Amino acid sequence: MSIYANTKGILSHIKEKPFKLEKEIQDLFEVNLSTIMGLQLVKSEFSIKNKRIDTLAYDNQNNAFIIIEYKRDKNISVVDQGFTYLSLMLENKADFIIEYNESLQQQLKRDDVDWSQTRVVFVSTSFTDNQKLATNFKDIAIELWEVKRFENDTVSITPIKKSKSAESIKPITQQNKELKAVQDEIKVYTEDFHLDNYPTEIRELYEKFRDSILNLDDNLEVVYRKQCISFRKEKIICDIVTLKKGLKIFINQTQGELADPKNITRDVSNVGHWGNGDYEIIVKDDSQLEYILSLIKETL
């Protein structure tokens, strides 16, 4: 990707300013972890069982630990290393709980954590085609994020998306006892999880809203979580929860910030709910699709 500065209509190329050390990438992410990934930093350089984890983070939305590794070596097997770290965590849950409580002065209990949502994130300036292909499974708990720095202090951070035709990794992991144990405990949610056994009209309604939301911005991506389907750019802009008779849409704005002249949203700021934001809309058809899209667009 080329970056240009626009000065009165004249474009000038901005050169990449490569990171010299992995530590530079690590420091950048750890200082800005909430902004970049919506995660909470637990521990930098967390050591356990003769292994060193670059960054241990916590996902408060999904109540899950996230392991982040920074790589400049393009020859590593991210799948092998990823499963090693996932297995390490699942076999030593108590150590992760203790580290969280000691580092953050909290009282997290083992049952508070959704271990099925554990995942490993590899961050690098670039990944090879083989690395991308090796992680292109719809149900693998390993993510790849590319980061680049440019001479004007601009930084681009891009999660590598899996292809729509990505297959399941289960046929591969079933052949290995250790991999199977990890895959059996960790759950990567997909669109089908949220739509299986739902009426055809609900699936079609969801697909219409999904496609329309994605058309709001080319950089939007869909993230499938246990309780909802999220639409994310730099941050999550809205969530959809599928219902047997419709959809719940949550708009990620704080109460008082959304302009809703038709008053179709419900204030859920003081009500427990699965999605992000203080605004909820119950949708049973597409009659107000365009208006709802205009509300969601306010978050971009």
Protein backbone atom coordinates (compact mmCIF):
# COMPACT_ATOMS: atom_id res chain seq x y z
CA MET A 1 0.00 0.00 0.00
CA SER A 2 1.39 3.39 -1.00
CA ILE A 3 0.83 6.47 1.18
CA TYR A 4 0.81 9.97 -0.31
CA ALA A 5 0.61 13.47 1.16
CA ASN A 6 -1.85 15.75 -0.63
CA THR A 7 -0.54 19.33 -0.82
CA LYS A 8 -2.93 21.53 -2.79
CA GLY A 9 -3.75 18.68 -5.13
CA ILE A 10 -0.13 17.56 -5.61
CA LEU A 11 0.69 14.11 -4.27
CA SER A 12 4.06 13.30 -2.78
CA HIS A 13 5.02 9.79 -1.80
CA ILE A 14 5.56 9.13 1.90
CA LYS A 15 8.23 6.50 2.42
CA GLU A 16 7.93 3.70 4.91
CA LYS A 17 10.06 4.07 8.05
CA PRO A 18 10.66 0.45 9.06
CA PHE A 19 10.76 -0.63 12.68
CA LYS A 20 14.30 -1.61 13.60
CA LEU A 21 13.35 -3.76 16.59
CA GLU A 22 10.40 -5.90 17.65
CA LYS A 23 10.45 -3.93 20.90
CA GLU A 24 9.44 -0.76 19.06
CA ILE A 25 6.30 -2.49 17.79
CA GLN A 26 5.62 -3.95 21.22
CA ASP A 27 5.90 -0.58 22.96
CA LEU A 28 3.62 1.04 20.40
CA PHE A 29 0.93 -1.59 20.86
CA GLU A 30 1.15 -1.81 24.65
CA VAL A 31 0.81 1.95 25.13
CA ASN A 32 -2.15 2.05 22.73
CA LEU A 33 -3.67 -1.38 23.33
CA SER A 34 -7.13 -0.05 24.19
CA THR A 35 -7.21 2.18 21.10
CA ILE A 36 -5.89 -0.44 18.67
CA MET A 37 -7.55 -3.63 19.89
CA GLY A 38 -9.94 -2.61 22.64
CA LEU A 39 -7.91 -4.70 25.12
CA GLN A 40 -6.52 -4.14 28.61
CA LEU A 41 -2.80 -4.63 29.22
CA VAL A 42 -2.16 -7.19 31.93
CA LYS A 43 1.58 -7.84 31.70
CA SER A 44 4.47 -7.12 29.38
CA GLU A 45 7.01 -9.95 29.07
CA PHE A 46 5.01 -12.51 31.02
CA SER A 47 7.09 -15.63 31.74
CA ILE A 48 5.54 -19.01 32.46
CA LYS A 49 6.92 -22.56 32.21
CA ASN A 50 10.13 -21.42 30.49
CA LYS A 51 8.09 -19.56 27.88
CA ARG A 52 7.94 -15.79 27.47
CA ILE A 53 4.79 -14.10 26.25
CA ASP A 54 5.45 -10.67 24.76
CA THR A 55 2.13 -9.14 25.82
CA LEU A 56 -0.59 -10.63 27.98
CA ALA A 57 -3.85 -8.74 27.50
CA TYR A 58 -7.46 -9.13 28.59
CA ASP A 59 -10.63 -8.71 26.55
CA ASN A 60 -13.20 -7.26 28.96
CA GLN A 61 -16.04 -7.63 26.48
CA ASN A 62 -15.53 -11.37 26.05
CA ASN A 63 -13.92 -12.00 29.45
CA ALA A 64 -10.95 -13.70 27.85
CA PHE A 65 -7.15 -13.58 27.90
CA ILE A 66 -5.36 -12.60 24.70
CA ILE A 67 -1.71 -13.42 23.96
CA ILE A 68 0.12 -11.04 21.62
CA GLU A 69 3.44 -11.87 19.95
CA TYR A 70 5.51 -9.48 17.81
CA LYS A 71 7.52 -10.89 14.90
CA ARG A 72 9.99 -9.59 12.35
CA ASP A 73 11.13 -13.10 11.34
CA LYS A 74 9.05 -14.18 8.35
CA ASN A 75 10.06 -17.85 8.62
CA ILE A 76 8.24 -18.74 11.83
CA SER A 77 5.30 -21.14 11.85
CA VAL A 78 2.57 -19.02 13.40
CA VAL A 79 0.21 -22.01 13.64
CA ASP A 80 2.63 -24.18 15.61
CA GLN A 81 3.62 -21.34 17.91
CA GLY A 82 0.03 -20.20 18.27
CA PHE A 83 -1.21 -23.62 19.38
CA THR A 84 1.75 -23.92 21.79
CA TYR A 85 0.67 -20.73 23.54
CA LEU A 86 -3.00 -21.69 23.56
CA SER A 87 -2.14 -25.06 25.10
CA LEU A 88 0.15 -23.35 27.62
CA MET A 89 -2.67 -21.10 28.80
CA LEU A 90 -5.31 -23.82 29.03
CA GLU A 91 -2.96 -26.02 31.05
CA ASN A 92 -1.98 -23.21 33.45
CA LYS A 93 -5.15 -21.22 33.98
CA ALA A 94 -4.41 -20.46 37.62
CA ASP A 95 -1.11 -18.74 36.73
CA PHE A 96 -2.89 -16.39 34.36
CA ILE A 97 -5.54 -15.58 36.96
CA ILE A 98 -2.87 -14.83 39.56
CA GLU A 99 -0.96 -12.58 37.16
CA TYR A 100 -4.14 -10.67 36.29
CA ASN A 101 -5.06 -10.13 39.94
CA GLU A 102 -1.56 -9.13 41.02
CA SER A 103 -0.91 -6.80 38.07
CA LEU A 104 -4.30 -5.08 38.09
CA GLN A 105 -5.18 -5.41 41.78
CA GLN A 106 -8.38 -7.27 40.98
CA GLN A 107 -10.22 -10.34 42.27
CA LEU A 108 -10.81 -12.24 39.04
CA LYS A 109 -11.92 -15.85 39.53
CA ARG A 110 -11.37 -18.78 37.20
CA ASP A 111 -15.09 -19.07 36.46
CA ASP A 112 -15.21 -15.37 35.48
CA VAL A 113 -13.06 -16.12 32.43
CA ASP A 114 -14.47 -17.49 29.19
CA TRP A 115 -11.51 -19.69 28.30
CA SER A 116 -13.19 -20.71 25.05
CA GLN A 117 -12.57 -17.15 23.77
CA THR A 118 -8.79 -17.26 24.29
CA ARG A 119 -6.82 -16.33 21.20
CA VAL A 120 -3.30 -15.53 20.01
CA VAL A 121 -2.49 -12.45 17.93
CA PHE A 122 0.72 -12.19 15.90
CA VAL A 123 1.81 -8.67 14.97
CA SER A 124 4.40 -8.12 12.24
CA THR A 125 5.40 -5.63 9.56
CA SER A 126 4.38 -8.27 7.03
CA PHE A 127 3.43 -11.93 6.74
CA THR A 128 4.28 -14.36 3.97
CA ASP A 129 1.62 -15.89 1.77
CA ASN A 130 2.31 -19.23 3.47
CA GLN A 131 1.68 -17.74 6.91
CA LYS A 132 -1.57 -16.18 5.76
CA LEU A 133 -2.65 -19.42 4.12
CA ALA A 134 -1.76 -21.45 7.21
CA THR A 135 -4.12 -19.37 9.37
CA ASN A 136 -6.93 -19.09 6.83
CA PHE A 137 -9.37 -21.25 8.77
CA LYS A 138 -12.70 -19.89 9.92
CA ASP A 139 -12.39 -21.50 13.36
CA ILE A 140 -8.73 -21.01 14.27
CA ALA A 141 -8.04 -18.84 17.35
CA ILE A 142 -5.01 -17.21 15.74
CA GLU A 143 -5.03 -13.73 14.21
CA LEU A 144 -2.46 -11.89 12.09
CA TRP A 145 -2.10 -8.10 12.26
CA GLU A 146 0.25 -6.11 10.01
CA VAL A 147 1.74 -2.81 11.15
CA LYS A 148 3.74 -0.26 9.14
CA ARG A 149 5.26 3.08 10.10
CA PHE A 150 5.87 5.97 7.70
CA GLU A 151 8.14 9.01 7.66
CA ASN A 152 5.37 11.45 8.59
CA ASP A 153 4.74 9.46 11.81
CA THR A 154 1.66 7.82 10.32
CA VAL A 155 1.09 4.21 11.36
CA SER A 156 -1.13 1.75 9.53
CA ILE A 157 -2.47 -1.31 11.36
CA THR A 158 -4.35 -3.94 9.38
CA PRO A 159 -5.87 -7.20 10.65
CA ILE A 160 -5.52 -9.92 8.01
CA LYS A 161 -9.01 -11.04 7.05
CA LYS A 162 -9.84 -14.67 6.45
CA SER A 163 -11.39 -15.48 3.09
CA LYS A 164 -15.14 -16.04 2.91
CA SER A 165 -14.49 -19.58 1.69
CA ALA A 166 -12.17 -20.46 4.60
CA GLU A 167 -12.67 -24.03 5.77
CA SER A 168 -12.63 -25.56 9.26
CA ILE A 169 -9.34 -26.58 10.85
CA LYS A 170 -10.98 -29.42 12.77
CA PRO A 171 -10.15 -32.19 10.24
CA ILE A 172 -6.47 -31.31 10.72
CA THR A 173 -6.48 -30.98 14.52
CA GLN A 174 -8.34 -34.27 15.00
CA GLN A 175 -5.19 -36.12 13.96
CA ASN A 176 -3.15 -34.69 16.84
CA LYS A 177 -4.12 -35.28 20.47
CA GLU A 178 -2.68 -32.00 21.79
CA LEU A 179 -4.14 -29.88 18.99
CA LYS A 180 -7.50 -31.59 19.37
CA ALA A 181 -7.54 -30.80 23.12
CA VAL A 182 -6.99 -27.10 22.39
CA GLN A 183 -9.50 -27.00 19.56
CA ASP A 184 -12.13 -28.78 21.66
CA GLU A 185 -11.94 -26.17 24.43
CA ILE A 186 -11.51 -23.01 22.37
CA LYS A 187 -14.47 -21.85 20.32
CA VAL A 188 -14.17 -19.51 17.35
CA TYR A 189 -17.62 -18.22 16.51
CA THR A 190 -18.86 -17.85 12.96
CA GLU A 191 -21.86 -16.39 11.21
CA ASP A 192 -23.48 -19.82 11.04
CA PHE A 193 -23.35 -20.08 14.83
CA HIS A 194 -25.64 -17.04 15.07
CA LEU A 195 -27.98 -18.14 12.28
CA ASP A 196 -28.29 -21.93 12.58
CA ASN A 197 -31.88 -23.07 13.16
CA TYR A 198 -33.21 -19.56 12.61
CA PRO A 199 -36.12 -18.95 10.19
CA THR A 200 -35.17 -18.15 6.60
CA GLU A 201 -36.76 -14.69 6.86
CA ILE A 202 -34.52 -13.81 9.83
CA ARG A 203 -31.41 -14.97 7.99
CA GLU A 204 -32.42 -12.86 4.96
CA LEU A 205 -33.16 -9.85 7.17
CA TYR A 206 -29.78 -10.17 8.85
CA GLU A 207 -27.98 -10.51 5.49
CA LYS A 208 -29.67 -7.36 4.19
CA PHE A 209 -28.58 -5.35 7.24
CA ARG A 210 -25.10 -6.92 7.22
CA ASP A 211 -24.47 -6.03 3.59
CA SER A 212 -25.90 -2.54 3.99
CA ILE A 213 -23.74 -1.81 7.05
CA LEU A 214 -20.60 -3.08 5.31
CA ASN A 215 -21.37 -0.79 2.37
CA LEU A 216 -21.10 2.24 4.66
CA ASP A 217 -17.31 2.01 4.65
CA ASP A 218 -14.82 -0.15 2.74
CA ASN A 219 -12.74 -0.64 5.88
CA LEU A 220 -15.48 -2.20 7.97
CA GLU A 221 -15.12 -5.83 8.98
CA VAL A 222 -17.36 -8.34 10.73
CA VAL A 223 -16.26 -9.88 14.03
CA TYR A 224 -18.21 -12.87 15.32
CA ARG A 225 -18.43 -13.04 19.09
CA LYS A 226 -20.19 -15.43 21.44
CA GLN A 227 -23.19 -13.20 22.13
CA CYS A 228 -23.31 -10.92 19.09
CA ILE A 229 -22.01 -10.05 15.64
CA SER A 230 -19.89 -6.89 15.68
CA PHE A 231 -19.01 -4.45 12.90
CA ARG A 232 -15.62 -2.85 13.42
CA LYS A 233 -13.49 -0.17 11.83
CA GLU A 234 -10.98 1.38 14.23
CA LYS A 235 -13.54 0.51 16.89
CA ILE A 236 -16.81 -1.44 17.00
CA ILE A 237 -19.54 0.78 15.55
CA CYS A 238 -22.53 -1.51 16.09
CA ASP A 239 -23.56 -5.04 17.02
CA ILE A 240 -26.32 -7.36 15.89
CA VAL A 241 -27.96 -10.01 18.06
CA THR A 242 -30.13 -12.47 16.13
CA LEU A 243 -33.58 -13.28 17.50
CA LYS A 244 -36.16 -15.83 16.40
CA LYS A 245 -38.48 -13.00 15.35
CA GLY A 246 -36.06 -10.26 14.38
CA LEU A 247 -32.77 -8.56 15.22
CA LYS A 248 -31.42 -6.43 18.03
CA ILE A 249 -29.06 -3.73 16.83
CA PHE A 250 -26.82 -1.90 19.31
CA ILE A 251 -25.26 1.39 18.20
CA ASN A 252 -21.95 2.17 19.89
CA GLN A 253 -22.60 5.70 21.08
CA THR A 254 -22.82 7.01 24.62
CA GLN A 255 -26.25 8.12 25.77
CA GLY A 256 -26.93 11.68 24.62
CA GLU A 257 -24.50 11.55 21.66
CA LEU A 258 -26.77 10.03 19.01
CA ALA A 259 -29.14 12.19 16.98
CA ASP A 260 -32.34 10.14 16.65
CA PRO A 261 -35.18 12.49 15.61
CA LYS A 262 -37.58 9.57 15.03
CA ASN A 263 -36.88 8.29 18.53
CA ILE A 264 -36.70 4.63 17.52
CA THR A 265 -33.81 3.72 19.83
CA ARG A 266 -34.07 2.51 23.41
CA ASP A 267 -31.75 3.72 26.15
CA VAL A 268 -29.94 0.68 27.57
CA SER A 269 -27.20 2.61 29.38
CA ASN A 270 -28.45 1.28 32.71
CA VAL A 271 -29.56 -2.13 31.48
CA GLY A 272 -27.40 -5.22 31.04
CA HIS A 273 -26.95 -6.03 27.35
CA TRP A 274 -24.56 -7.92 25.08
CA GLY A 275 -23.72 -5.29 22.47
CA ASN A 276 -21.62 -2.12 22.66
CA GLY A 277 -23.12 1.32 23.21
CA ASP A 278 -26.16 2.75 24.93
CA TYR A 279 -28.65 2.52 22.06
CA GLU A 280 -30.77 -0.51 21.16
CA ILE A 281 -33.13 -0.99 18.22
CA ILE A 282 -35.48 -3.96 17.74
CA VAL A 283 -35.82 -4.74 14.04
CA LYS A 284 -38.52 -7.01 12.60
CA ASP A 285 -38.34 -5.91 8.96
CA ASP A 286 -36.34 -3.63 6.69
CA SER A 287 -38.88 -0.78 6.54
CA GLN A 288 -36.55 1.59 8.43
CA LEU A 289 -33.29 0.27 7.02
CA GLU A 290 -32.09 3.57 5.54
CA TYR A 291 -32.88 5.52 8.70
CA ILE A 292 -31.10 2.96 10.90
CA LEU A 293 -28.09 3.12 8.58
CA SER A 294 -28.02 6.89 9.03
CA LEU A 295 -27.84 6.38 12.80
CA ILE A 296 -25.05 3.82 12.50
CA LYS A 297 -23.17 6.15 10.16
CA GLU A 298 -22.93 8.69 12.98
CA THR A 299 -20.40 6.38 14.65
CA LEU A 300 -17.99 6.43 11.70
